[in-house]
Amino acid sequence: MAAFFHPSMYGFNVTDKTFDYDNRPVVPIKEMTFNQWWFHGHLDYPPNDGDIFELPAGQAATAELACHRGATSYHAGADGGDIRDPNEPNNPCPDSPTDAFHTTGLDDVKGCALAIAYKSDVGDVVPEDFVIFSVNQTCVWNRFTDFQVPERMPPCPEGGCTCAWFWTHSINSGGQENYMNGFKCNITGSTSPTPLAKPKVARRCGKDPQNDKIEDFPGNCTYGAKAPFYWFNKERNNMFEGFYSPPHYNDLYNFRDGPQDDIFEDSYLSLPIPSPDAPLPVLASPSTSRTGTNSSSAESLPEPPKKEKKW
C-alpha cells in the first residue's frame, strides 16, 4: 500500500478511525461503489484553503509517496509520529520489505501517474475530465518521486485545477488493486494557452510476455491525451482487463516515462483509429510529443530510460 502525501490532498487527515472501515489514503480501492472509490471517498475531507500542489510547466514536481504519512515530511500529527529512516531517507516504507509497496524489486515496479482536470470546483469533476500528464515508471520505489510537467501546460482557471495520483501495482506482490489520491493543484510558469485534448482510453499495445505477446504493436496504441485507469471496481470502470492482467502506467499502454507532451489539441496532424495494422499518427511538430511520428520521418517508439535504485 502507498499514497501521495501532501497537505493539498483530499483525506490528508483521515485515519483508520475516520470511517467505519479503514479508509486511509494508503488503503487500496477495489470492488467499491463509485462514491467509495472516487477520490478515495475523501471529498468531504478537503485540504485547507491555500494548500495547493504547484506544478511548474517544463520542470519536475517532486511528490512524496509512502506507505504511511509518518514516513513523509508531513509526519507531524500522523499516528505513530515520525517513522522516517535516517539511513534510508528515500525509502517509501521504512522497516518494511518491498512487498509492503507491492513489488518484488526494482525490475517489478509498474509505474504511476498524475492526472489533471481543468476545473477548480472538485464537485464539478467527473472521471472523463482527467488527463494523464506525467508518468514515472520507477514507481512506487522512491519516497521522493519526480513527475516531469509538460512545458506547454496551459494555466489553470481561477482557484486552481484538480489533480489526482493513480497507481496499479504488479500482480507479483499483492492482489488486484487501484490507488487514487486527489489533490488541489496549480500550473505555474505557463506560457501556452493551448487546451488539452479530450482524453481517450488507453489500449494495451506493448510487449506482454506474461500473456505470450512478445512483440509490441505501435499502431494499436492510443496516442495523445489519455484517461486514467478506472479498473476493478463495481461502478464506472473504463478498463475491463482480466483478474491477472491489470493495466499499468508504462509502455504496455503507451504511457512513456516522463511528461506526456502529446496531450494538447494541436499535438497531431492525424490520429488514425488504432488497430494492429494502423499507420502511426503524424505529429504537428516533433517538439510537441515524445511518441508517434513527425511529418518528415517515421520514428520508432523511444525506449524508456534505464531504472536505477536511489535509496
C-alpha atoms as a PDB file:
ATOM      1  CA  MET A   1       0.000   0.000   0.000  1.00  0.00           C
ATOM      2  CA  ALA A   2       1.100   3.568  -0.642  1.00  0.00           C
ATOM      3  CA  ALA A   3      -0.274   7.048  -1.171  1.00  0.00           C
ATOM      4  CA  PHE A   4       0.573  10.520  -2.414  1.00  0.00           C
ATOM      5  CA  PHE A   5       1.023  12.713   0.668  1.00  0.00           C
ATOM      6  CA  HIS A   6       0.754  16.498   0.646  1.00  0.00           C
ATOM      7  CA  PRO A   7      -1.426  18.990   2.566  1.00  0.00           C
ATOM      8  CA  SER A   8      -3.222  19.757  -0.720  1.00  0.00           C
ATOM      9  CA  MET A   9      -4.747  16.274  -0.835  1.00  0.00           C
ATOM     10  CA  TYR A  10      -8.273  15.218  -0.014  1.00  0.00           C
ATOM     11  CA  GLY A  11      -8.185  12.997   3.057  1.00  0.00           C
ATOM     12  CA  PHE A  12      -4.852  14.289   4.355  1.00  0.00           C
ATOM     13  CA  ASN A  13      -6.009  13.890   7.963  1.00  0.00           C
ATOM     14  CA  VAL A  14      -8.106  10.751   7.501  1.00  0.00           C
ATOM     15  CA  THR A  15      -7.132   7.920   9.869  1.00  0.00           C
ATOM     16  CA  ASP A  16      -8.281   4.338  10.258  1.00  0.00           C
ATOM     17  CA  LYS A  17     -10.904   5.627  12.719  1.00  0.00           C
ATOM     18  CA  THR A  18     -12.475   8.293  10.476  1.00  0.00           C
ATOM     19  CA  PHE A  19     -14.762   5.850   8.634  1.00  0.00           C
ATOM     20  CA  ASP A  20     -16.471   2.683   9.813  1.00  0.00           C
ATOM     21  CA  TYR A  21     -13.854   0.848   7.728  1.00  0.00           C
ATOM     22  CA  ASP A  22     -10.166   1.503   7.153  1.00  0.00           C
ATOM     23  CA  ASN A  23     -10.191   4.220   4.501  1.00  0.00           C
ATOM     24  CA  ARG A  24      -6.779   5.775   4.988  1.00  0.00           C
ATOM     25  CA  PRO A  25      -5.238   7.237   1.803  1.00  0.00           C
ATOM     26  CA  VAL A  26      -2.840   4.270   1.589  1.00  0.00           C
ATOM     27  CA  VAL A  27      -5.585   1.639   1.538  1.00  0.00           C
ATOM     28  CA  PRO A  28      -6.279   0.210  -1.946  1.00  0.00           C
ATOM     29  CA  ILE A  29      -9.581   0.758  -3.693  1.00  0.00           C
ATOM     30  CA  LYS A  30     -11.157  -2.319  -5.261  1.00  0.00           C
ATOM     31  CA  GLU A  31     -14.646  -3.749  -5.716  1.00  0.00           C
ATOM     32  CA  MET A  32     -16.098  -0.481  -4.398  1.00  0.00           C
ATOM     33  CA  THR A  33     -19.052   1.653  -5.394  1.00  0.00           C
ATOM     34  CA  PHE A  34     -18.320   4.880  -7.248  1.00  0.00           C
ATOM     35  CA  ASN A  35     -18.783   7.081  -4.185  1.00  0.00           C
ATOM     36  CA  GLN A  36     -16.343   4.898  -2.259  1.00  0.00           C
ATOM     37  CA  TRP A  37     -13.519   4.788  -4.801  1.00  0.00           C
ATOM     38  CA  TRP A  38     -13.849   8.220  -6.441  1.00  0.00           C
ATOM     39  CA  PHE A  39     -11.256  10.425  -4.699  1.00  0.00           C
ATOM     40  CA  HIS A  40     -10.954   7.507  -2.263  1.00  0.00           C
ATOM     41  CA  GLY A  41     -14.247   8.624  -0.713  1.00  0.00           C
ATOM     42  CA  HIS A  42     -12.464  11.683   0.719  1.00  0.00           C
ATOM     43  CA  LEU A  43     -14.373  14.521  -0.946  1.00  0.00           C
ATOM     44  CA  ASP A  44     -15.816  15.538   2.427  1.00  0.00           C
ATOM     45  CA  TYR A  45     -12.262  15.916   3.784  1.00  0.00           C
ATOM     46  CA  PRO A  46     -10.826  18.679   1.563  1.00  0.00           C
ATOM     47  CA  PRO A  47      -7.499  20.457   2.022  1.00  0.00           C
ATOM     48  CA  ASN A  48      -7.334  23.730   3.895  1.00  0.00           C
ATOM     49  CA  ASP A  49      -7.665  26.930   1.911  1.00  0.00           C
ATOM     50  CA  GLY A  50      -4.328  27.858   0.414  1.00  0.00           C
ATOM     51  CA  ASP A  51      -2.897  24.333   0.455  1.00  0.00           C
ATOM     52  CA  ILE A  52      -2.073  23.620  -3.175  1.00  0.00           C
ATOM     53  CA  PHE A  53       0.468  21.464  -5.009  1.00  0.00           C
ATOM     54  CA  GLU A  54       2.404  23.506  -7.563  1.00  0.00           C
ATOM     55  CA  LEU A  55       3.220  22.058 -10.971  1.00  0.00           C
ATOM     56  CA  PRO A  56       5.924  24.093 -12.755  1.00  0.00           C
ATOM     57  CA  ALA A  57       5.484  23.910 -16.530  1.00  0.00           C
ATOM     58  CA  GLY A  58       8.517  22.326 -18.173  1.00  0.00           C
ATOM     59  CA  GLN A  59      10.048  21.256 -14.873  1.00  0.00           C
ATOM     60  CA  ALA A  60       9.790  18.493 -12.300  1.00  0.00           C
ATOM     61  CA  ALA A  61       7.306  18.449  -9.441  1.00  0.00           C
ATOM     62  CA  THR A  62       8.525  16.304  -6.557  1.00  0.00           C
ATOM     63  CA  ALA A  63       5.889  14.298  -4.727  1.00  0.00           C
ATOM     64  CA  GLU A  64       6.225  12.200  -1.599  1.00  0.00           C
ATOM     65  CA  LEU A  65       4.913   8.643  -1.883  1.00  0.00           C
ATOM     66  CA  ALA A  66       4.852   6.453   1.182  1.00  0.00           C
ATOM     67  CA  CYS A  67       3.119   3.611   2.989  1.00  0.00           C
ATOM     68  CA  HIS A  68       2.428   5.843   5.983  1.00  0.00           C
ATOM     69  CA  ARG A  69       2.172   9.579   6.495  1.00  0.00           C
ATOM     70  CA  GLY A  70       4.734   9.216   9.279  1.00  0.00           C
ATOM     71  CA  ALA A  71       7.314   8.275   6.632  1.00  0.00           C
ATOM     72  CA  THR A  72       6.984  11.688   4.946  1.00  0.00           C
ATOM     73  CA  SER A  73       7.872  15.300   5.667  1.00  0.00           C
ATOM     74  CA  TYR A  74       4.285  15.661   6.927  1.00  0.00           C
ATOM     75  CA  HIS A  75       4.719  13.231   9.822  1.00  0.00           C
ATOM     76  CA  ALA A  76       3.503  15.764  12.394  1.00  0.00           C
ATOM     77  CA  GLY A  77       0.106  14.579  13.560  1.00  0.00           C
ATOM     78  CA  ALA A  78       0.487  11.141  11.999  1.00  0.00           C
ATOM     79  CA  ASP A  79      -0.334   8.044  14.007  1.00  0.00           C
ATOM     80  CA  GLY A  80       2.983   6.819  15.368  1.00  0.00           C
ATOM     81  CA  GLY A  81       4.764  10.097  14.659  1.00  0.00           C
ATOM     82  CA  ASP A  82       7.959  10.286  12.628  1.00  0.00           C
ATOM     83  CA  ILE A  83       8.950   6.850  11.302  1.00  0.00           C
ATOM     84  CA  ARG A  84      11.398   8.013   8.625  1.00  0.00           C
ATOM     85  CA  ASP A  85      14.634   6.056   8.403  1.00  0.00           C
ATOM     86  CA  PRO A  86      17.624   8.448   8.620  1.00  0.00           C
ATOM     87  CA  ASN A  87      19.797   5.815   6.955  1.00  0.00           C
ATOM     88  CA  GLU A  88      17.424   5.442   4.004  1.00  0.00           C
ATOM     89  CA  PRO A  89      15.568   8.771   3.742  1.00  0.00           C
ATOM     90  CA  ASN A  90      14.203   7.919   0.283  1.00  0.00           C
ATOM     91  CA  ASN A  91      12.641   4.634   1.392  1.00  0.00           C
ATOM     92  CA  PRO A  92       8.841   4.911   0.998  1.00  0.00           C
ATOM     93  CA  CYS A  93       8.164   2.202   3.588  1.00  0.00           C
ATOM     94  CA  PRO A  94      10.774   2.214   6.370  1.00  0.00           C
ATOM     95  CA  ASP A  95      11.436  -1.063   8.164  1.00  0.00           C
ATOM     96  CA  SER A  96       9.250  -2.943   5.681  1.00  0.00           C
ATOM     97  CA  PRO A  97      10.016  -5.361   2.837  1.00  0.00           C
ATOM     98  CA  THR A  98       9.354  -4.261  -0.729  1.00  0.00           C
ATOM     99  CA  ASP A  99       6.135  -6.252  -0.848  1.00  0.00           C
ATOM    100  CA  ALA A 100       4.716  -3.599   1.502  1.00  0.00           C
ATOM    101  CA  PHE A 101       4.507  -1.436  -1.623  1.00  0.00           C
ATOM    102  CA  HIS A 102       3.668  -4.366  -3.875  1.00  0.00           C
ATOM    103  CA  THR A 103       6.815  -5.162  -5.788  1.00  0.00           C
ATOM    104  CA  THR A 104       9.410  -7.909  -5.748  1.00  0.00           C
ATOM    105  CA  GLY A 105      12.145  -5.449  -6.722  1.00  0.00           C
ATOM    106  CA  LEU A 106      13.093  -2.556  -8.960  1.00  0.00           C
ATOM    107  CA  ASP A 107      12.546  -4.611 -12.111  1.00  0.00           C
ATOM    108  CA  ASP A 108       8.970  -5.290 -10.988  1.00  0.00           C
ATOM    109  CA  VAL A 109       7.681  -1.726 -10.482  1.00  0.00           C
ATOM    110  CA  LYS A 110       4.913  -0.811 -12.925  1.00  0.00           C
ATOM    111  CA  GLY A 111       4.701   2.976 -12.852  1.00  0.00           C
ATOM    112  CA  CYS A 112       2.289   5.592 -11.545  1.00  0.00           C
ATOM    113  CA  ALA A 113       0.864   8.812 -12.925  1.00  0.00           C
ATOM    114  CA  LEU A 114      -0.508  12.274 -12.249  1.00  0.00           C
ATOM    115  CA  ALA A 115      -3.704  13.454 -13.924  1.00  0.00           C
ATOM    116  CA  ILE A 116      -5.284  16.891 -14.151  1.00  0.00           C
ATOM    117  CA  ALA A 117      -8.775  18.287 -14.641  1.00  0.00           C
ATOM    118  CA  TYR A 118      -9.101  21.956 -15.558  1.00  0.00           C
ATOM    119  CA  LYS A 119     -11.858  22.593 -13.035  1.00  0.00           C
ATOM    120  CA  SER A 120     -11.388  24.369  -9.718  1.00  0.00           C
ATOM    121  CA  ASP A 121     -14.581  23.019  -8.125  1.00  0.00           C
ATOM    122  CA  VAL A 122     -13.992  19.368  -7.313  1.00  0.00           C
ATOM    123  CA  GLY A 123     -17.742  18.820  -7.255  1.00  0.00           C
ATOM    124  CA  ASP A 124     -17.824  19.504 -10.999  1.00  0.00           C
ATOM    125  CA  VAL A 125     -15.092  16.979 -11.832  1.00  0.00           C
ATOM    126  CA  VAL A 126     -16.114  13.681 -13.428  1.00  0.00           C
ATOM    127  CA  PRO A 127     -13.862  10.729 -14.352  1.00  0.00           C
ATOM    128  CA  GLU A 128     -13.844  11.723 -18.018  1.00  0.00           C
ATOM    129  CA  ASP A 129     -12.252  15.100 -17.154  1.00  0.00           C
ATOM    130  CA  PHE A 130      -8.911  13.713 -16.016  1.00  0.00           C
ATOM    131  CA  VAL A 131      -5.951  13.635 -18.415  1.00  0.00           C
ATOM    132  CA  ILE A 132      -2.691  11.892 -17.537  1.00  0.00           C
ATOM    133  CA  PHE A 133       0.063  14.498 -17.934  1.00  0.00           C
ATOM    134  CA  SER A 134       3.061  12.883 -16.230  1.00  0.00           C
ATOM    135  CA  VAL A 135       4.262   9.327 -15.658  1.00  0.00           C
ATOM    136  CA  ASN A 136       7.053   7.961 -13.515  1.00  0.00           C
ATOM    137  CA  GLN A 137       7.730   4.353 -14.457  1.00  0.00           C
ATOM    138  CA  THR A 138      10.008   3.847 -11.430  1.00  0.00           C
ATOM    139  CA  CYS A 139       7.083   3.933  -9.069  1.00  0.00           C
ATOM    140  CA  VAL A 140       6.416   3.091  -6.348  1.00  0.00           C
ATOM    141  CA  TRP A 141      10.080   2.810  -5.364  1.00  0.00           C
ATOM    142  CA  ASN A 142      11.301   6.152  -4.020  1.00  0.00           C
ATOM    143  CA  ARG A 143       9.680   8.309  -1.380  1.00  0.00           C
ATOM    144  CA  PHE A 144      10.702  11.445  -3.292  1.00  0.00           C
ATOM    145  CA  THR A 145       9.323  10.850  -6.766  1.00  0.00           C
ATOM    146  CA  ASP A 146       9.710  13.366  -9.583  1.00  0.00           C
ATOM    147  CA  PHE A 147       6.942  13.978 -12.083  1.00  0.00           C
ATOM    148  CA  GLN A 148       8.011  15.932 -15.155  1.00  0.00           C
ATOM    149  CA  VAL A 149       5.407  18.510 -16.183  1.00  0.00           C
ATOM    150  CA  PRO A 150       4.898  19.198 -19.911  1.00  0.00           C
ATOM    151  CA  GLU A 151       6.222  22.599 -20.932  1.00  0.00           C
ATOM    152  CA  ARG A 152       3.038  23.515 -22.811  1.00  0.00           C
ATOM    153  CA  MET A 153       0.595  23.062 -19.936  1.00  0.00           C
ATOM    154  CA  PRO A 154      -1.945  25.910 -20.045  1.00  0.00           C
ATOM    155  CA  PRO A 155      -2.759  27.928 -16.920  1.00  0.00           C
ATOM    156  CA  CYS A 156      -5.413  26.711 -14.516  1.00  0.00           C
ATOM    157  CA  PRO A 157      -8.667  28.609 -14.011  1.00  0.00           C
ATOM    158  CA  GLU A 158      -9.041  30.952 -11.076  1.00  0.00           C
ATOM    159  CA  GLY A 159      -8.941  28.839  -7.939  1.00  0.00           C
ATOM    160  CA  GLY A 160      -6.596  26.267  -9.463  1.00  0.00           C
ATOM    161  CA  CYS A 161      -7.063  22.849 -11.024  1.00  0.00           C
ATOM    162  CA  THR A 162      -7.958  19.461  -9.600  1.00  0.00           C
ATOM    163  CA  CYS A 163      -5.364  16.688  -9.809  1.00  0.00           C
ATOM    164  CA  ALA A 164      -5.008  13.070  -8.762  1.00  0.00           C
ATOM    165  CA  TRP A 165      -2.329  10.429  -8.334  1.00  0.00           C
ATOM    166  CA  PHE A 166      -3.025   6.995  -9.821  1.00  0.00           C
ATOM    167  CA  TRP A 167      -1.271   3.637  -9.426  1.00  0.00           C
ATOM    168  CA  THR A 168      -1.905  -0.008 -10.185  1.00  0.00           C
ATOM    169  CA  HIS A 169       0.849  -2.276  -8.939  1.00  0.00           C
ATOM    170  CA  SER A 170       2.450  -5.523 -10.041  1.00  0.00           C
ATOM    171  CA  ILE A 171       0.467  -8.742  -9.706  1.00  0.00           C
ATOM    172  CA  ASN A 172       3.594 -10.451  -8.369  1.00  0.00           C
ATOM    173  CA  SER A 173       3.289  -8.976  -4.888  1.00  0.00           C
ATOM    174  CA  GLY A 174      -0.315  -8.310  -3.965  1.00  0.00           C
ATOM    175  CA  GLY A 175      -3.902  -8.521  -5.105  1.00  0.00           C
ATOM    176  CA  GLN A 176      -5.728  -6.684  -7.858  1.00  0.00           C
ATOM    177  CA  GLU A 177      -5.936  -3.127  -6.582  1.00  0.00           C
ATOM    178  CA  ASN A 178      -6.173   0.518  -7.614  1.00  0.00           C
ATOM    179  CA  TYR A 179      -4.930   3.627  -5.883  1.00  0.00           C
ATOM    180  CA  MET A 180      -6.242   7.168  -6.262  1.00  0.00           C
ATOM    181  CA  ASN A 181      -5.495  10.261  -4.194  1.00  0.00           C
ATOM    182  CA  GLY A 182      -6.961  13.586  -5.277  1.00  0.00           C
ATOM    183  CA  PHE A 183      -5.436  16.985  -4.532  1.00  0.00           C
ATOM    184  CA  LYS A 184      -5.651  20.668  -5.369  1.00  0.00           C
ATOM    185  CA  CYS A 185      -3.030  21.779  -7.868  1.00  0.00           C
ATOM    186  CA  ASN A 186      -1.932  24.722  -9.959  1.00  0.00           C
ATOM    187  CA  ILE A 187       0.216  25.102 -13.070  1.00  0.00           C
ATOM    188  CA  THR A 188       2.943  27.716 -12.610  1.00  0.00           C
ATOM    189  CA  GLY A 189       5.080  29.369 -15.274  1.00  0.00           C
ATOM    190  CA  SER A 190       2.601  28.611 -18.043  1.00  0.00           C
ATOM    191  CA  THR A 191       3.366  30.162 -21.436  1.00  0.00           C
ATOM    192  CA  SER A 192       0.855  28.331 -23.646  1.00  0.00           C
ATOM    193  CA  PRO A 193      -2.910  28.838 -23.978  1.00  0.00           C
ATOM    194  CA  THR A 194      -3.464  25.606 -25.944  1.00  0.00           C
ATOM    195  CA  PRO A 195      -6.041  23.396 -24.188  1.00  0.00           C
ATOM    196  CA  LEU A 196      -5.609  19.719 -23.501  1.00  0.00           C
ATOM    197  CA  ALA A 197      -7.341  17.343 -25.879  1.00  0.00           C
ATOM    198  CA  LYS A 198     -10.260  15.212 -24.763  1.00  0.00           C
ATOM    199  CA  PRO A 199      -8.798  12.063 -23.202  1.00  0.00           C
ATOM    200  CA  LYS A 200      -9.263   8.609 -24.662  1.00  0.00           C
ATOM    201  CA  VAL A 201      -8.981   5.219 -23.015  1.00  0.00           C
ATOM    202  CA  ALA A 202      -5.504   3.714 -23.355  1.00  0.00           C
ATOM    203  CA  ARG A 203      -5.138   0.459 -25.282  1.00  0.00           C
ATOM    204  CA  ARG A 204      -2.904  -2.465 -24.345  1.00  0.00           C
ATOM    205  CA  CYS A 205      -0.364  -2.433 -27.175  1.00  0.00           C
ATOM    206  CA  GLY A 206       3.130  -3.093 -25.824  1.00  0.00           C
ATOM    207  CA  LYS A 207       5.106  -6.270 -25.338  1.00  0.00           C
ATOM    208  CA  ASP A 208       3.276  -8.516 -22.897  1.00  0.00           C
ATOM    209  CA  PRO A 209       5.328 -11.675 -22.255  1.00  0.00           C
ATOM    210  CA  GLN A 210       3.124 -12.644 -19.335  1.00  0.00           C
ATOM    211  CA  ASN A 211       0.299 -13.088 -21.834  1.00  0.00           C
ATOM    212  CA  ASP A 212       2.543 -14.616 -24.532  1.00  0.00           C
ATOM    213  CA  LYS A 213       2.780 -11.438 -26.618  1.00  0.00           C
ATOM    214  CA  ILE A 214       6.445 -10.971 -27.459  1.00  0.00           C
ATOM    215  CA  GLU A 215       6.031  -8.023 -29.835  1.00  0.00           C
ATOM    216  CA  ASP A 216       4.556  -4.587 -29.430  1.00  0.00           C
ATOM    217  CA  PHE A 217       2.008  -3.169 -31.862  1.00  0.00           C
ATOM    218  CA  PRO A 218       2.540   0.616 -32.074  1.00  0.00           C
ATOM    219  CA  GLY A 219      -0.387   1.049 -34.456  1.00  0.00           C
ATOM    220  CA  ASN A 220      -2.708  -0.412 -31.836  1.00  0.00           C
ATOM    221  CA  CYS A 221      -1.710   2.162 -29.204  1.00  0.00           C
ATOM    222  CA  THR A 222      -3.727   5.133 -28.040  1.00  0.00           C
ATOM    223  CA  TYR A 223      -1.846   8.359 -28.747  1.00  0.00           C
ATOM    224  CA  GLY A 224      -2.437  11.836 -27.408  1.00  0.00           C
ATOM    225  CA  ALA A 225      -4.437  12.621 -24.284  1.00  0.00           C
ATOM    226  CA  LYS A 226      -5.284   9.515 -22.282  1.00  0.00           C
ATOM    227  CA  ALA A 227      -7.560   8.942 -19.305  1.00  0.00           C
ATOM    228  CA  PRO A 228      -6.531   7.304 -16.037  1.00  0.00           C
ATOM    229  CA  PHE A 229      -7.321   3.644 -15.475  1.00  0.00           C
ATOM    230  CA  TYR A 230     -10.595   3.047 -13.652  1.00  0.00           C
ATOM    231  CA  TRP A 231     -10.443  -0.677 -13.035  1.00  0.00           C
ATOM    232  CA  PHE A 232     -11.682  -3.446 -10.776  1.00  0.00           C
ATOM    233  CA  ASN A 233     -14.462  -1.579  -9.016  1.00  0.00           C
ATOM    234  CA  LYS A 234     -18.207  -2.094  -9.050  1.00  0.00           C
ATOM    235  CA  GLU A 235     -19.087   1.074 -10.956  1.00  0.00           C
ATOM    236  CA  ARG A 236     -17.738   3.479 -13.586  1.00  0.00           C
ATOM    237  CA  ASN A 237     -14.853   1.323 -14.793  1.00  0.00           C
ATOM    238  CA  ASN A 238     -13.241   2.211 -18.118  1.00  0.00           C
ATOM    239  CA  MET A 239     -10.845  -0.753 -18.117  1.00  0.00           C
ATOM    240  CA  PHE A 240     -12.045  -4.351 -18.202  1.00  0.00           C
ATOM    241  CA  GLU A 241      -8.797  -6.296 -18.170  1.00  0.00           C
ATOM    242  CA  GLY A 242      -8.843  -9.680 -16.519  1.00  0.00           C
ATOM    243  CA  PHE A 243      -8.072 -10.509 -12.921  1.00  0.00           C
ATOM    244  CA  TYR A 244      -4.406 -11.255 -13.652  1.00  0.00           C
ATOM    245  CA  SER A 245      -3.859  -8.585 -16.314  1.00  0.00           C
ATOM    246  CA  PRO A 246      -4.061  -5.199 -14.568  1.00  0.00           C
ATOM    247  CA  PRO A 247      -3.393  -2.060 -16.622  1.00  0.00           C
ATOM    248  CA  HIS A 248      -0.161  -0.196 -15.884  1.00  0.00           C
ATOM    249  CA  TYR A 249       1.229   3.282 -16.465  1.00  0.00           C
ATOM    250  CA  ASN A 250       4.125   2.189 -18.657  1.00  0.00           C
ATOM    251  CA  ASP A 251       4.976   1.164 -22.218  1.00  0.00           C
ATOM    252  CA  LEU A 252       2.379  -1.602 -22.163  1.00  0.00           C
ATOM    253  CA  TYR A 253      -0.278   1.110 -22.606  1.00  0.00           C
ATOM    254  CA  ASN A 254       1.916   3.674 -24.394  1.00  0.00           C
ATOM    255  CA  PHE A 255       2.489   5.755 -21.274  1.00  0.00           C
ATOM    256  CA  ARG A 256       6.085   6.860 -21.795  1.00  0.00           C
ATOM    257  CA  ASP A 257       8.251   7.768 -18.847  1.00  0.00           C
ATOM    258  CA  GLY A 258       8.159  11.496 -18.110  1.00  0.00           C
ATOM    259  CA  PRO A 259       5.974  14.347 -19.385  1.00  0.00           C
ATOM    260  CA  GLN A 260       3.153  13.388 -21.713  1.00  0.00           C
ATOM    261  CA  ASP A 261       3.976  16.018 -24.316  1.00  0.00           C
ATOM    262  CA  ASP A 262       1.386  14.996 -26.914  1.00  0.00           C
ATOM    263  CA  ILE A 263      -1.791  15.663 -24.914  1.00  0.00           C
ATOM    264  CA  PHE A 264      -2.758  19.002 -26.480  1.00  0.00           C
ATOM    265  CA  GLU A 265      -5.460  19.800 -29.019  1.00  0.00           C
ATOM    266  CA  ASP A 266      -2.869  20.674 -31.678  1.00  0.00           C
ATOM    267  CA  SER A 267      -0.382  17.863 -30.999  1.00  0.00           C
ATOM    268  CA  TYR A 268      -1.215  15.758 -34.073  1.00  0.00           C
ATOM    269  CA  LEU A 269      -1.933  16.343 -37.737  1.00  0.00           C
ATOM    270  CA  SER A 270      -3.595  12.944 -37.932  1.00  0.00           C
ATOM    271  CA  LEU A 271      -4.653  10.290 -35.449  1.00  0.00           C
ATOM    272  CA  PRO A 272      -5.652   7.052 -37.207  1.00  0.00           C
ATOM    273  CA  ILE A 273      -8.074   4.720 -35.472  1.00  0.00           C
ATOM    274  CA  PRO A 274      -5.863   2.271 -33.544  1.00  0.00           C
ATOM    275  CA  SER A 275      -5.534  -1.271 -34.855  1.00  0.00           C
ATOM    276  CA  PRO A 276      -2.652  -3.762 -35.117  1.00  0.00           C
ATOM    277  CA  ASP A 277      -2.062  -2.719 -38.746  1.00  0.00           C
ATOM    278  CA  ALA A 278      -2.841   1.002 -38.448  1.00  0.00           C
ATOM    279  CA  PRO A 279      -0.254   3.590 -39.526  1.00  0.00           C
ATOM    280  CA  LEU A 280       1.344   5.665 -36.814  1.00  0.00           C
ATOM    281  CA  PRO A 281      -0.090   9.122 -36.141  1.00  0.00           C
ATOM    282  CA  VAL A 282       1.560  12.229 -37.548  1.00  0.00           C
ATOM    283  CA  LEU A 283       2.712  14.911 -35.146  1.00  0.00           C
ATOM    284  CA  ALA A 284       2.055  18.552 -35.890  1.00  0.00           C
ATOM    285  CA  SER A 285       5.603  19.276 -34.702  1.00  0.00           C
ATOM    286  CA  PRO A 286       8.395  16.994 -33.472  1.00  0.00           C
ATOM    287  CA  SER A 287       8.631  19.095 -30.303  1.00  0.00           C
ATOM    288  CA  THR A 288       5.023  18.528 -29.273  1.00  0.00           C
ATOM    289  CA  SER A 289       5.337  14.848 -28.449  1.00  0.00           C
ATOM    290  CA  ARG A 290       7.700  12.105 -27.383  1.00  0.00           C
ATOM    291  CA  THR A 291       5.653   9.398 -29.110  1.00  0.00           C
ATOM    292  CA  GLY A 292       4.299   8.736 -32.579  1.00  0.00           C
ATOM    293  CA  THR A 293       5.944  10.076 -35.738  1.00  0.00           C
ATOM    294  CA  ASN A 294       6.580  13.533 -37.108  1.00  0.00           C
ATOM    295  CA  SER A 295       5.626  14.760 -40.553  1.00  0.00           C
ATOM    296  CA  SER A 296       9.076  14.275 -42.043  1.00  0.00           C
ATOM    297  CA  SER A 297      10.094  10.858 -40.760  1.00  0.00           C
ATOM    298  CA  ALA A 298       8.651   7.730 -39.205  1.00  0.00           C
ATOM    299  CA  GLU A 299      10.399   7.211 -35.891  1.00  0.00           C
ATOM    300  CA  SER A 300      10.146   4.124 -33.724  1.00  0.00           C
ATOM    301  CA  LEU A 301       8.832   4.499 -30.201  1.00  0.00           C
ATOM    302  CA  PRO A 302      11.630   5.550 -27.838  1.00  0.00           C
ATOM    303  CA  GLU A 303      12.955   3.185 -25.225  1.00  0.00           C
ATOM    304  CA  PRO A 304      12.250   4.244 -21.622  1.00  0.00           C
ATOM    305  CA  PRO A 305      15.226   5.349 -19.515  1.00  0.00           C
ATOM    306  CA  LYS A 306      17.040   2.693 -17.534  1.00  0.00           C
ATOM    307  CA  LYS A 307      15.734   2.467 -13.996  1.00  0.00           C
ATOM    308  CA  GLU A 308      18.169   2.936 -11.150  1.00  0.00           C
ATOM    309  CA  LYS A 309      17.856   2.349  -7.440  1.00  0.00           C
ATOM    310  CA  LYS A 310      18.007   5.608  -5.489  1.00  0.00           C
ATOM    311  CA  TRP A 311      17.824   4.508  -1.876  1.00  0.00           C
END
